[in-house]
Amino acid sequence: MSLAYRKLDPSQAWGCLVANLVLLPGLGSLFAGRLIEGIGQIILAAGGLYLTTAWFNWFVQEKLLRGQPITDLGPQFKRALAGFAFLGISWLWALVSSLLIMRSARSSVPPKI
């Protein structure tokens, strides 16, 4: 597998942007041939999603389903905050990658005469 970036036309670059920002951070980067960036973004997003979901699962089971009063957010809440941060960082990284993909696709199109 080559580590070179793929040459994309603007419509493909838009598809990468949508995949990165709507579906999964890193997916559009992978489609654009940016292997290292894409894998890094996916790992960061998956880790953030895991930490956030683990806390949410605990919170629903312990506090909401058992009817206990909500006096604290639990011992896992700091991990959930880290998960939110990981998700945010991966999304911002995907945004920057998407803008770079869009720029390179725009510059590869020959000018119309």
PDB file of N, CA and C in Angstrom:
ATOM      1  N   MET A   1       0.849  -1.184   0.000  1.00  0.00           N
ATOM      2  CA  MET A   1       0.000   0.000   0.000  1.00  0.00           C
ATOM      3  C   MET A   1       0.886   1.236   0.000  1.00  0.00           C
ATOM      4  N   SER A   2       0.557   2.147  -0.854  1.00  0.00           N
ATOM      5  CA  SER A   2       1.342   3.360  -1.001  1.00  0.00           C
ATOM      6  C   SER A   2       0.944   4.394   0.051  1.00  0.00           C
ATOM      7  N   LEU A   3       1.927   5.141   0.529  1.00  0.00           N
ATOM      8  CA  LEU A   3       1.653   6.216   1.478  1.00  0.00           C
ATOM      9  C   LEU A   3       1.408   7.550   0.778  1.00  0.00           C
ATOM     10  N   ALA A   4       1.400   7.544  -0.551  1.00  0.00           N
ATOM     11  CA  ALA A   4       1.159   8.775  -1.296  1.00  0.00           C
ATOM     12  C   ALA A   4      -0.316   9.141  -1.230  1.00  0.00           C
ATOM     13  N   TYR A   5      -0.577  10.426  -1.226  1.00  0.00           N
ATOM     14  CA  TYR A   5      -1.956  10.909  -1.224  1.00  0.00           C
ATOM     15  C   TYR A   5      -2.579  10.652  -2.586  1.00  0.00           C
ATOM     16  N   ARG A   6      -3.851  10.363  -2.595  1.00  0.00           N
ATOM     17  CA  ARG A   6      -4.578  10.171  -3.852  1.00  0.00           C
ATOM     18  C   ARG A   6      -4.904  11.536  -4.458  1.00  0.00           C
ATOM     19  N   LYS A   7      -4.934  11.584  -5.779  1.00  0.00           N
ATOM     20  CA  LYS A   7      -5.390  12.801  -6.465  1.00  0.00           C
ATOM     21  C   LYS A   7      -6.908  12.724  -6.556  1.00  0.00           C
ATOM     22  N   LEU A   8      -7.560  13.726  -6.013  1.00  0.00           N
ATOM     23  CA  LEU A   8      -9.017  13.746  -5.961  1.00  0.00           C
ATOM     24  C   LEU A   8      -9.555  14.931  -6.735  1.00  0.00           C
ATOM     25  N   ASP A   9     -10.731  14.751  -7.302  1.00  0.00           N
ATOM     26  CA  ASP A   9     -11.408  15.904  -7.878  1.00  0.00           C
ATOM     27  C   ASP A   9     -12.250  16.543  -6.762  1.00  0.00           C
ATOM     28  N   PRO A  10     -12.768  17.747  -6.969  1.00  0.00           N
ATOM     29  CA  PRO A  10     -13.497  18.435  -5.902  1.00  0.00           C
ATOM     30  C   PRO A  10     -14.705  17.664  -5.359  1.00  0.00           C
ATOM     31  N   SER A  11     -15.409  16.922  -6.207  1.00  0.00           N
ATOM     32  CA  SER A  11     -16.573  16.181  -5.692  1.00  0.00           C
ATOM     33  C   SER A  11     -16.128  15.038  -4.777  1.00  0.00           C
ATOM     34  N   GLN A  12     -15.025  14.401  -5.081  1.00  0.00           N
ATOM     35  CA  GLN A  12     -14.496  13.361  -4.201  1.00  0.00           C
ATOM     36  C   GLN A  12     -14.007  13.974  -2.889  1.00  0.00           C
ATOM     37  N   ALA A  13     -13.412  15.157  -2.978  1.00  0.00           N
ATOM     38  CA  ALA A  13     -12.950  15.839  -1.764  1.00  0.00           C
ATOM     39  C   ALA A  13     -14.126  16.180  -0.860  1.00  0.00           C
ATOM     40  N   TRP A  14     -15.257  16.591  -1.461  1.00  0.00           N
ATOM     41  CA  TRP A  14     -16.456  16.852  -0.658  1.00  0.00           C
ATOM     42  C   TRP A  14     -16.928  15.574   0.030  1.00  0.00           C
ATOM     43  N   GLY A  15     -16.854  14.461  -0.671  1.00  0.00           N
ATOM     44  CA  GLY A  15     -17.223  13.185  -0.065  1.00  0.00           C
ATOM     45  C   GLY A  15     -16.333  12.849   1.116  1.00  0.00           C
ATOM     46  N   CYS A  16     -15.052  13.129   0.996  1.00  0.00           N
ATOM     47  CA  CYS A  16     -14.124  12.899   2.108  1.00  0.00           C
ATOM     48  C   CYS A  16     -14.462  13.800   3.290  1.00  0.00           C
ATOM     49  N   LEU A  17     -14.807  15.052   2.996  1.00  0.00           N
ATOM     50  CA  LEU A  17     -15.183  15.986   4.062  1.00  0.00           C
ATOM     51  C   LEU A  17     -16.413  15.478   4.808  1.00  0.00           C
ATOM     52  N   VAL A  18     -17.425  15.034   4.069  1.00  0.00           N
ATOM     53  CA  VAL A  18     -18.642  14.522   4.706  1.00  0.00           C
ATOM     54  C   VAL A  18     -18.339  13.271   5.521  1.00  0.00           C
ATOM     55  N   ALA A  19     -17.540  12.373   4.969  1.00  0.00           N
ATOM     56  CA  ALA A  19     -17.190  11.151   5.700  1.00  0.00           C
ATOM     57  C   ALA A  19     -16.432  11.485   6.976  1.00  0.00           C
ATOM     58  N   ASN A  20     -15.526  12.459   6.911  1.00  0.00           N
ATOM     59  CA  ASN A  20     -14.739  12.838   8.083  1.00  0.00           C
ATOM     60  C   ASN A  20     -15.581  13.508   9.165  1.00  0.00           C
ATOM     61  N   LEU A  21     -16.493  14.378   8.749  1.00  0.00           N
ATOM     62  CA  LEU A  21     -17.190  15.199   9.736  1.00  0.00           C
ATOM     63  C   LEU A  21     -18.538  14.636  10.169  1.00  0.00           C
ATOM     64  N   VAL A  22     -19.145  13.787   9.354  1.00  0.00           N
ATOM     65  CA  VAL A  22     -20.474  13.288   9.682  1.00  0.00           C
ATOM     66  C   VAL A  22     -20.436  11.812  10.091  1.00  0.00           C
ATOM     67  N   LEU A  23     -19.715  10.989   9.336  1.00  0.00           N
ATOM     68  CA  LEU A  23     -19.723   9.561   9.617  1.00  0.00           C
ATOM     69  C   LEU A  23     -18.759   9.176  10.739  1.00  0.00           C
ATOM     70  N   LEU A  24     -17.470   9.367  10.492  1.00  0.00           N
ATOM     71  CA  LEU A  24     -16.450   8.980  11.466  1.00  0.00           C
ATOM     72  C   LEU A  24     -15.186   9.771  11.192  1.00  0.00           C
ATOM     73  N   PRO A  25     -14.663  10.483  12.186  1.00  0.00           N
ATOM     74  CA  PRO A  25     -13.402  11.181  11.958  1.00  0.00           C
ATOM     75  C   PRO A  25     -12.318  10.195  11.518  1.00  0.00           C
ATOM     76  N   GLY A  26     -11.676  10.502  10.410  1.00  0.00           N
ATOM     77  CA  GLY A  26     -10.620   9.655   9.878  1.00  0.00           C
ATOM     78  C   GLY A  26     -11.034   8.852   8.658  1.00  0.00           C
ATOM     79  N   LEU A  27     -12.321   8.610   8.501  1.00  0.00           N
ATOM     80  CA  LEU A  27     -12.785   7.808   7.376  1.00  0.00           C
ATOM     81  C   LEU A  27     -12.519   8.521   6.048  1.00  0.00           C
ATOM     82  N   GLY A  28     -12.820   9.789   5.979  1.00  0.00           N
ATOM     83  CA  GLY A  28     -12.548  10.560   4.768  1.00  0.00           C
ATOM     84  C   GLY A  28     -11.062  10.693   4.499  1.00  0.00           C
ATOM     85  N   SER A  29     -10.277  10.791   5.553  1.00  0.00           N
ATOM     86  CA  SER A  29      -8.827  10.860   5.388  1.00  0.00           C
ATOM     87  C   SER A  29      -8.296   9.564   4.783  1.00  0.00           C
ATOM     88  N   LEU A  30      -8.841   8.434   5.223  1.00  0.00           N
ATOM     89  CA  LEU A  30      -8.452   7.158   4.628  1.00  0.00           C
ATOM     90  C   LEU A  30      -8.837   7.095   3.157  1.00  0.00           C
ATOM     91  N   PHE A  31     -10.035   7.555   2.832  1.00  0.00           N
ATOM     92  CA  PHE A  31     -10.472   7.572   1.436  1.00  0.00           C
ATOM     93  C   PHE A  31      -9.552   8.430   0.574  1.00  0.00           C
ATOM     94  N   ALA A  32      -9.018   9.486   1.155  1.00  0.00           N
ATOM     95  CA  ALA A  32      -8.128  10.391   0.416  1.00  0.00           C
ATOM     96  C   ALA A  32      -6.703   9.864   0.342  1.00  0.00           C
ATOM     97  N   GLY A  33      -6.446   8.706   0.920  1.00  0.00           N
ATOM     98  CA  GLY A  33      -5.118   8.123   0.879  1.00  0.00           C
ATOM     99  C   GLY A  33      -4.194   8.609   1.970  1.00  0.00           C
ATOM    100  N   ARG A  34      -4.726   9.274   2.962  1.00  0.00           N
ATOM    101  CA  ARG A  34      -3.917   9.770   4.086  1.00  0.00           C
ATOM    102  C   ARG A  34      -3.994   8.746   5.208  1.00  0.00           C
ATOM    103  N   LEU A  35      -3.242   7.673   5.057  1.00  0.00           N
ATOM    104  CA  LEU A  35      -3.337   6.495   5.907  1.00  0.00           C
ATOM    105  C   LEU A  35      -3.026   6.795   7.374  1.00  0.00           C
ATOM    106  N   ILE A  36      -1.902   7.420   7.637  1.00  0.00           N
ATOM    107  CA  ILE A  36      -1.477   7.671   9.021  1.00  0.00           C
ATOM    108  C   ILE A  36      -2.462   8.608   9.718  1.00  0.00           C
ATOM    109  N   GLU A  37      -2.847   9.686   9.045  1.00  0.00           N
ATOM    110  CA  GLU A  37      -3.811  10.630   9.632  1.00  0.00           C
ATOM    111  C   GLU A  37      -5.137   9.942   9.902  1.00  0.00           C
ATOM    112  N   GLY A  38      -5.623   9.188   8.932  1.00  0.00           N
ATOM    113  CA  GLY A  38      -6.918   8.529   9.072  1.00  0.00           C
ATOM    114  C   GLY A  38      -6.944   7.543  10.226  1.00  0.00           C
ATOM    115  N   ILE A  39      -5.911   6.717  10.326  1.00  0.00           N
ATOM    116  CA  ILE A  39      -5.865   5.739  11.411  1.00  0.00           C
ATOM    117  C   ILE A  39      -5.759   6.446  12.753  1.00  0.00           C
ATOM    118  N   GLY A  40      -4.955   7.491  12.835  1.00  0.00           N
ATOM    119  CA  GLY A  40      -4.835   8.244  14.085  1.00  0.00           C
ATOM    120  C   GLY A  40      -6.155   8.867  14.508  1.00  0.00           C
ATOM    121  N   GLN A  41      -6.871   9.441  13.551  1.00  0.00           N
ATOM    122  CA  GLN A  41      -8.163  10.056  13.860  1.00  0.00           C
ATOM    123  C   GLN A  41      -9.177   9.007  14.305  1.00  0.00           C
ATOM    124  N   ILE A  42      -9.192   7.863  13.645  1.00  0.00           N
ATOM    125  CA  ILE A  42     -10.132   6.801  14.020  1.00  0.00           C
ATOM    126  C   ILE A  42      -9.824   6.265  15.410  1.00  0.00           C
ATOM    127  N   ILE A  43      -8.551   6.044  15.710  1.00  0.00           N
ATOM    128  CA  ILE A  43      -8.172   5.538  17.036  1.00  0.00           C
ATOM    129  C   ILE A  43      -8.557   6.535  18.119  1.00  0.00           C
ATOM    130  N   LEU A  44      -8.284   7.809  17.887  1.00  0.00           N
ATOM    131  CA  LEU A  44      -8.635   8.841  18.865  1.00  0.00           C
ATOM    132  C   LEU A  44     -10.148   8.917  19.065  1.00  0.00           C
ATOM    133  N   ALA A  45     -10.905   8.878  17.978  1.00  0.00           N
ATOM    134  CA  ALA A  45     -12.362   8.931  18.080  1.00  0.00           C
ATOM    135  C   ALA A  45     -12.919   7.686  18.767  1.00  0.00           C
ATOM    136  N   ALA A  46     -12.392   6.519  18.421  1.00  0.00           N
ATOM    137  CA  ALA A  46     -12.872   5.277  19.031  1.00  0.00           C
ATOM    138  C   ALA A  46     -12.569   5.245  20.525  1.00  0.00           C
ATOM    139  N   GLY A  47     -11.393   5.703  20.911  1.00  0.00           N
ATOM    140  CA  GLY A  47     -11.058   5.763  22.331  1.00  0.00           C
ATOM    141  C   GLY A  47     -11.971   6.716  23.086  1.00  0.00           C
ATOM    142  N   GLY A  48     -12.229   7.863  22.490  1.00  0.00           N
ATOM    143  CA  GLY A  48     -13.135   8.828  23.120  1.00  0.00           C
ATOM    144  C   GLY A  48     -14.546   8.297  23.226  1.00  0.00           C
ATOM    145  N   LEU A  49     -14.992   7.633  22.177  1.00  0.00           N
ATOM    146  CA  LEU A  49     -16.337   7.052  22.201  1.00  0.00           C
ATOM    147  C   LEU A  49     -16.443   5.954  23.254  1.00  0.00           C
ATOM    148  N   TYR A  50     -15.400   5.137  23.379  1.00  0.00           N
ATOM    149  CA  TYR A  50     -15.407   4.080  24.387  1.00  0.00           C
ATOM    150  C   TYR A  50     -15.488   4.666  25.800  1.00  0.00           C
ATOM    151  N   LEU A  51     -14.635   5.638  26.106  1.00  0.00           N
ATOM    152  CA  LEU A  51     -14.630   6.217  27.453  1.00  0.00           C
ATOM    153  C   LEU A  51     -15.963   6.886  27.780  1.00  0.00           C
ATOM    154  N   THR A  52     -16.514   7.598  26.830  1.00  0.00           N
ATOM    155  CA  THR A  52     -17.773   8.295  27.049  1.00  0.00           C
ATOM    156  C   THR A  52     -18.928   7.308  27.214  1.00  0.00           C
ATOM    157  N   THR A  53     -18.960   6.302  26.352  1.00  0.00           N
ATOM    158  CA  THR A  53     -20.034   5.312  26.420  1.00  0.00           C
ATOM    159  C   THR A  53     -19.954   4.469  27.683  1.00  0.00           C
ATOM    160  N   ALA A  54     -18.753   4.134  28.125  1.00  0.00           N
ATOM    161  CA  ALA A  54     -18.602   3.355  29.358  1.00  0.00           C
ATOM    162  C   ALA A  54     -19.174   4.121  30.556  1.00  0.00           C
ATOM    163  N   TRP A  55     -18.878   5.414  30.635  1.00  0.00           N
ATOM    164  CA  TRP A  55     -19.436   6.201  31.732  1.00  0.00           C
ATOM    165  C   TRP A  55     -20.952   6.308  31.607  1.00  0.00           C
ATOM    166  N   PHE A  56     -21.454   6.575  30.415  1.00  0.00           N
ATOM    167  CA  PHE A  56     -22.896   6.717  30.219  1.00  0.00           C
ATOM    168  C   PHE A  56     -23.627   5.433  30.588  1.00  0.00           C
ATOM    169  N   ASN A  57     -23.073   4.289  30.223  1.00  0.00           N
ATOM    170  CA  ASN A  57     -23.655   3.000  30.572  1.00  0.00           C
ATOM    171  C   ASN A  57     -23.716   2.834  32.090  1.00  0.00           C
ATOM    172  N   TRP A  58     -22.609   3.158  32.770  1.00  0.00           N
ATOM    173  CA  TRP A  58     -22.589   3.062  34.233  1.00  0.00           C
ATOM    174  C   TRP A  58     -23.625   4.005  34.838  1.00  0.00           C
ATOM    175  N   PHE A  59     -23.690   5.224  34.336  1.00  0.00           N
ATOM    176  CA  PHE A  59     -24.595   6.228  34.882  1.00  0.00           C
ATOM    177  C   PHE A  59     -26.048   5.783  34.747  1.00  0.00           C
ATOM    178  N   VAL A  60     -26.417   5.260  33.589  1.00  0.00           N
ATOM    179  CA  VAL A  60     -27.794   4.807  33.377  1.00  0.00           C
ATOM    180  C   VAL A  60     -28.116   3.632  34.293  1.00  0.00           C
ATOM    181  N   GLN A  61     -27.205   2.668  34.397  1.00  0.00           N
ATOM    182  CA  GLN A  61     -27.458   1.494  35.231  1.00  0.00           C
ATOM    183  C   GLN A  61     -27.512   1.835  36.715  1.00  0.00           C
ATOM    184  N   GLU A  62     -26.569   2.607  37.189  1.00  0.00           N
ATOM    185  CA  GLU A  62     -26.472   2.879  38.625  1.00  0.00           C
ATOM    186  C   GLU A  62     -27.444   3.950  39.108  1.00  0.00           C
ATOM    187  N   LYS A  63     -27.624   4.959  38.340  1.00  0.00           N
ATOM    188  CA  LYS A  63     -28.402   6.101  38.831  1.00  0.00           C
ATOM    189  C   LYS A  63     -29.846   6.100  38.333  1.00  0.00           C
ATOM    190  N   LEU A  64     -30.039   5.864  37.069  1.00  0.00           N
ATOM    191  CA  LEU A  64     -31.377   6.007  36.515  1.00  0.00           C
ATOM    192  C   LEU A  64     -32.225   4.749  36.681  1.00  0.00           C
ATOM    193  N   LEU A  65     -31.678   3.584  36.355  1.00  0.00           N
ATOM    194  CA  LEU A  65     -32.474   2.354  36.424  1.00  0.00           C
ATOM    195  C   LEU A  65     -32.713   1.889  37.854  1.00  0.00           C
ATOM    196  N   ARG A  66     -31.793   2.139  38.743  1.00  0.00           N
ATOM    197  CA  ARG A  66     -31.959   1.730  40.147  1.00  0.00           C
ATOM    198  C   ARG A  66     -32.674   2.783  40.978  1.00  0.00           C
ATOM    199  N   GLY A  67     -32.938   3.914  40.370  1.00  0.00           N
ATOM    200  CA  GLY A  67     -33.685   4.954  41.067  1.00  0.00           C
ATOM    201  C   GLY A  67     -32.920   5.649  42.170  1.00  0.00           C
ATOM    202  N   GLN A  68     -31.610   5.590  42.138  1.00  0.00           N
ATOM    203  CA  GLN A  68     -30.811   6.264  43.154  1.00  0.00           C
ATOM    204  C   GLN A  68     -30.783   7.760  42.874  1.00  0.00           C
ATOM    205  N   PRO A  69     -30.707   8.550  43.931  1.00  0.00           N
ATOM    206  CA  PRO A  69     -30.624   9.999  43.717  1.00  0.00           C
ATOM    207  C   PRO A  69     -29.297  10.365  43.045  1.00  0.00           C
ATOM    208  N   ILE A  70     -29.371  11.346  42.168  1.00  0.00           N
ATOM    209  CA  ILE A  70     -28.172  11.787  41.449  1.00  0.00           C
ATOM    210  C   ILE A  70     -27.490  12.860  42.293  1.00  0.00           C
ATOM    211  N   THR A  71     -26.532  12.416  43.089  1.00  0.00           N
ATOM    212  CA  THR A  71     -25.782  13.344  43.930  1.00  0.00           C
ATOM    213  C   THR A  71     -24.401  13.620  43.361  1.00  0.00           C
ATOM    214  N   ASP A  72     -23.907  12.704  42.548  1.00  0.00           N
ATOM    215  CA  ASP A  72     -22.624  12.904  41.888  1.00  0.00           C
ATOM    216  C   ASP A  72     -22.669  12.232  40.513  1.00  0.00           C
ATOM    217  N   LEU A  73     -21.659  12.477  39.747  1.00  0.00           N
ATOM    218  CA  LEU A  73     -21.612  11.901  38.406  1.00  0.00           C
ATOM    219  C   LEU A  73     -20.779  10.632  38.344  1.00  0.00           C
ATOM    220  N   GLY A  74     -20.290  10.187  39.468  1.00  0.00           N
ATOM    221  CA  GLY A  74     -19.594   8.910  39.541  1.00  0.00           C
ATOM    222  C   GLY A  74     -18.096   9.008  39.378  1.00  0.00           C
ATOM    223  N   PRO A  75     -17.443   7.906  39.713  1.00  0.00           N
ATOM    224  CA  PRO A  75     -15.978   7.888  39.665  1.00  0.00           C
ATOM    225  C   PRO A  75     -15.412   7.883  38.245  1.00  0.00           C
ATOM    226  N   GLN A  76     -16.210   7.496  37.286  1.00  0.00           N
ATOM    227  CA  GLN A  76     -15.742   7.423  35.907  1.00  0.00           C
ATOM    228  C   GLN A  76     -15.912   8.734  35.140  1.00  0.00           C
ATOM    229  N   PHE A  77     -16.468   9.756  35.784  1.00  0.00           N
ATOM    230  CA  PHE A  77     -16.793  10.977  35.049  1.00  0.00           C
ATOM    231  C   PHE A  77     -15.560  11.679  34.481  1.00  0.00           C
ATOM    232  N   LYS A  78     -14.427  11.621  35.190  1.00  0.00           N
ATOM    233  CA  LYS A  78     -13.210  12.243  34.663  1.00  0.00           C
ATOM    234  C   LYS A  78     -12.768  11.543  33.383  1.00  0.00           C
ATOM    235  N   ARG A  79     -12.949  10.237  33.331  1.00  0.00           N
ATOM    236  CA  ARG A  79     -12.630   9.504  32.103  1.00  0.00           C
ATOM    237  C   ARG A  79     -13.586   9.901  30.985  1.00  0.00           C
ATOM    238  N   ALA A  80     -14.848  10.129  31.337  1.00  0.00           N
ATOM    239  CA  ALA A  80     -15.820  10.561  30.326  1.00  0.00           C
ATOM    240  C   ALA A  80     -15.435  11.924  29.767  1.00  0.00           C
ATOM    241  N   LEU A  81     -14.961  12.821  30.621  1.00  0.00           N
ATOM    242  CA  LEU A  81     -14.500  14.127  30.140  1.00  0.00           C
ATOM    243  C   LEU A  81     -13.309  13.977  29.201  1.00  0.00           C
ATOM    244  N   ALA A  82     -12.405  13.064  29.547  1.00  0.00           N
ATOM    245  CA  ALA A  82     -11.274  12.794  28.653  1.00  0.00           C
ATOM    246  C   ALA A  82     -11.783  12.227  27.331  1.00  0.00           C
ATOM    247  N   GLY A  83     -12.799  11.384  27.390  1.00  0.00           N
ATOM    248  CA  GLY A  83     -13.389  10.839  26.172  1.00  0.00           C
ATOM    249  C   GLY A  83     -13.996  11.923  25.302  1.00  0.00           C
ATOM    250  N   PHE A  84     -14.712  12.863  25.923  1.00  0.00           N
ATOM    251  CA  PHE A  84     -15.256  13.990  25.169  1.00  0.00           C
ATOM    252  C   PHE A  84     -14.130  14.803  24.522  1.00  0.00           C
ATOM    253  N   ALA A  85     -13.047  14.993  25.260  1.00  0.00           N
ATOM    254  CA  ALA A  85     -11.904  15.732  24.710  1.00  0.00           C
ATOM    255  C   ALA A  85     -11.296  14.982  23.530  1.00  0.00           C
ATOM    256  N   PHE A  86     -11.136  13.660  23.658  1.00  0.00           N
ATOM    257  CA  PHE A  86     -10.596  12.861  22.547  1.00  0.00           C
ATOM    258  C   PHE A  86     -11.480  12.976  21.314  1.00  0.00           C
ATOM    259  N   LEU A  87     -12.797  12.887  21.528  1.00  0.00           N
ATOM    260  CA  LEU A  87     -13.726  13.022  20.399  1.00  0.00           C
ATOM    261  C   LEU A  87     -13.606  14.396  19.746  1.00  0.00           C
ATOM    262  N   GLY A  88     -13.532  15.440  20.568  1.00  0.00           N
ATOM    263  CA  GLY A  88     -13.401  16.793  20.030  1.00  0.00           C
ATOM    264  C   GLY A  88     -12.108  16.985  19.265  1.00  0.00           C
ATOM    265  N   ILE A  89     -11.015  16.479  19.803  1.00  0.00           N
ATOM    266  CA  ILE A  89      -9.722  16.610  19.130  1.00  0.00           C
ATOM    267  C   ILE A  89      -9.726  15.847  17.814  1.00  0.00           C
ATOM    268  N   SER A  90     -10.294  14.643  17.823  1.00  0.00           N
ATOM    269  CA  SER A  90     -10.327  13.863  16.583  1.00  0.00           C
ATOM    270  C   SER A  90     -11.195  14.557  15.538  1.00  0.00           C
ATOM    271  N   TRP A  91     -12.288  15.170  15.963  1.00  0.00           N
ATOM    272  CA  TRP A  91     -13.158  15.873  15.020  1.00  0.00           C
ATOM    273  C   TRP A  91     -12.450  17.111  14.453  1.00  0.00           C
ATOM    274  N   LEU A  92     -11.766  17.858  15.302  1.00  0.00           N
ATOM    275  CA  LEU A  92     -11.031  19.036  14.814  1.00  0.00           C
ATOM    276  C   LEU A  92      -9.898  18.634  13.875  1.00  0.00           C
ATOM    277  N   TRP A  93      -9.209  17.557  14.210  1.00  0.00           N
ATOM    278  CA  TRP A  93      -8.136  17.050  13.356  1.00  0.00           C
ATOM    279  C   TRP A  93      -8.713  16.639  11.995  1.00  0.00           C
ATOM    280  N   ALA A  94      -9.875  15.981  12.020  1.00  0.00           N
ATOM    281  CA  ALA A  94     -10.539  15.582  10.779  1.00  0.00           C
ATOM    282  C   ALA A  94     -10.975  16.807   9.974  1.00  0.00           C
ATOM    283  N   LEU A  95     -11.403  17.863  10.660  1.00  0.00           N
ATOM    284  CA  LEU A  95     -11.784  19.095   9.973  1.00  0.00           C
ATOM    285  C   LEU A  95     -10.592  19.708   9.251  1.00  0.00           C
ATOM    286  N   VAL A  96      -9.468  19.800   9.938  1.00  0.00           N
ATOM    287  CA  VAL A  96      -8.261  20.356   9.329  1.00  0.00           C
ATOM    288  C   VAL A  96      -7.832  19.489   8.146  1.00  0.00           C
ATOM    289  N   SER A  97      -7.840  18.171   8.324  1.00  0.00           N
ATOM    290  CA  SER A  97      -7.481  17.269   7.223  1.00  0.00           C
ATOM    291  C   SER A  97      -8.416  17.455   6.042  1.00  0.00           C
ATOM    292  N   SER A  98      -9.703  17.599   6.331  1.00  0.00           N
ATOM    293  CA  SER A  98     -10.680  17.777   5.264  1.00  0.00           C
ATOM    294  C   SER A  98     -10.436  19.063   4.489  1.00  0.00           C
ATOM    295  N   LEU A  99     -10.122  20.131   5.199  1.00  0.00           N
ATOM    296  CA  LEU A  99      -9.836  21.396   4.523  1.00  0.00           C
ATOM    297  C   LEU A  99      -8.583  21.289   3.659  1.00  0.00           C
ATOM    298  N   LEU A 100      -7.581  20.563   4.131  1.00  0.00           N
ATOM    299  CA  LEU A 100      -6.374  20.354   3.327  1.00  0.00           C
ATOM    300  C   LEU A 100      -6.673  19.492   2.102  1.00  0.00           C
ATOM    301  N   ILE A 101      -7.530  18.495   2.269  1.00  0.00           N
ATOM    302  CA  ILE A 101      -7.939  17.656   1.138  1.00  0.00           C
ATOM    303  C   ILE A 101      -8.674  18.497   0.109  1.00  0.00           C
ATOM    304  N   MET A 102      -9.578  19.363   0.598  1.00  0.00           N
ATOM    305  CA  MET A 102     -10.332  20.238  -0.310  1.00  0.00           C
ATOM    306  C   MET A 102      -9.381  21.181  -1.067  1.00  0.00           C
ATOM    307  N   ARG A 103      -8.408  21.725  -0.367  1.00  0.00           N
ATOM    308  CA  ARG A 103      -7.456  22.647  -0.995  1.00  0.00           C
ATOM    309  C   ARG A 103      -6.642  21.931  -2.066  1.00  0.00           C
ATOM    310  N   SER A 104      -6.169  20.723  -1.766  1.00  0.00           N
ATOM    311  CA  SER A 104      -5.351  20.008  -2.758  1.00  0.00           C
ATOM    312  C   SER A 104      -6.192  19.593  -3.957  1.00  0.00           C
ATOM    313  N   ALA A 105      -7.466  19.271  -3.746  1.00  0.00           N
ATOM    314  CA  ALA A 105      -8.334  18.906  -4.869  1.00  0.00           C
ATOM    315  C   ALA A 105      -8.619  20.126  -5.735  1.00  0.00           C
ATOM    316  N   ARG A 106      -8.790  21.272  -5.105  1.00  0.00           N
ATOM    317  CA  ARG A 106      -9.049  22.504  -5.861  1.00  0.00           C
ATOM    318  C   ARG A 106      -7.837  22.902  -6.687  1.00  0.00           C
ATOM    319  N   SER A 107      -6.639  22.698  -6.147  1.00  0.00           N
ATOM    320  CA  SER A 107      -5.428  23.111  -6.864  1.00  0.00           C
ATOM    321  C   SER A 107      -5.082  22.136  -7.988  1.00  0.00           C
ATOM    322  N   SER A 108      -5.629  20.918  -7.946  1.00  0.00           N
ATOM    323  CA  SER A 108      -5.302  19.944  -8.985  1.00  0.00           C
ATOM    324  C   SER A 108      -6.210  20.070 -10.210  1.00  0.00           C
ATOM    325  N   VAL A 109      -7.262  20.888 -10.106  1.00  0.00           N
ATOM    326  CA  VAL A 109      -8.183  21.078 -11.225  1.00  0.00           C
ATOM    327  C   VAL A 109      -7.610  22.130 -12.161  1.00  0.00           C
ATOM    328  N   PRO A 110      -7.492  21.822 -13.454  1.00  0.00           N
ATOM    329  CA  PRO A 110      -6.959  22.827 -14.373  1.00  0.00           C
ATOM    330  C   PRO A 110      -7.921  23.989 -14.539  1.00  0.00           C
ATOM    331  N   PRO A 111      -7.434  25.186 -14.735  1.00  0.00           N
ATOM    332  CA  PRO A 111      -8.319  26.351 -14.868  1.00  0.00           C
ATOM    333  C   PRO A 111      -9.137  26.261 -16.156  1.00  0.00           C
ATOM    334  N   LYS A 112     -10.365  26.774 -16.094  1.00  0.00           N
ATOM    335  CA  LYS A 112     -11.241  26.808 -17.261  1.00  0.00           C
ATOM    336  C   LYS A 112     -10.921  28.054 -18.086  1.00  0.00           C
ATOM    337  N   ILE A 113     -10.874  27.858 -19.375  1.00  0.00           N
ATOM    338  CA  ILE A 113     -10.560  28.987 -20.265  1.00  0.00           C
ATOM    339  C   ILE A 113     -11.790  29.332 -21.073  1.00  0.00           C
TER     340      ILE A 113
END
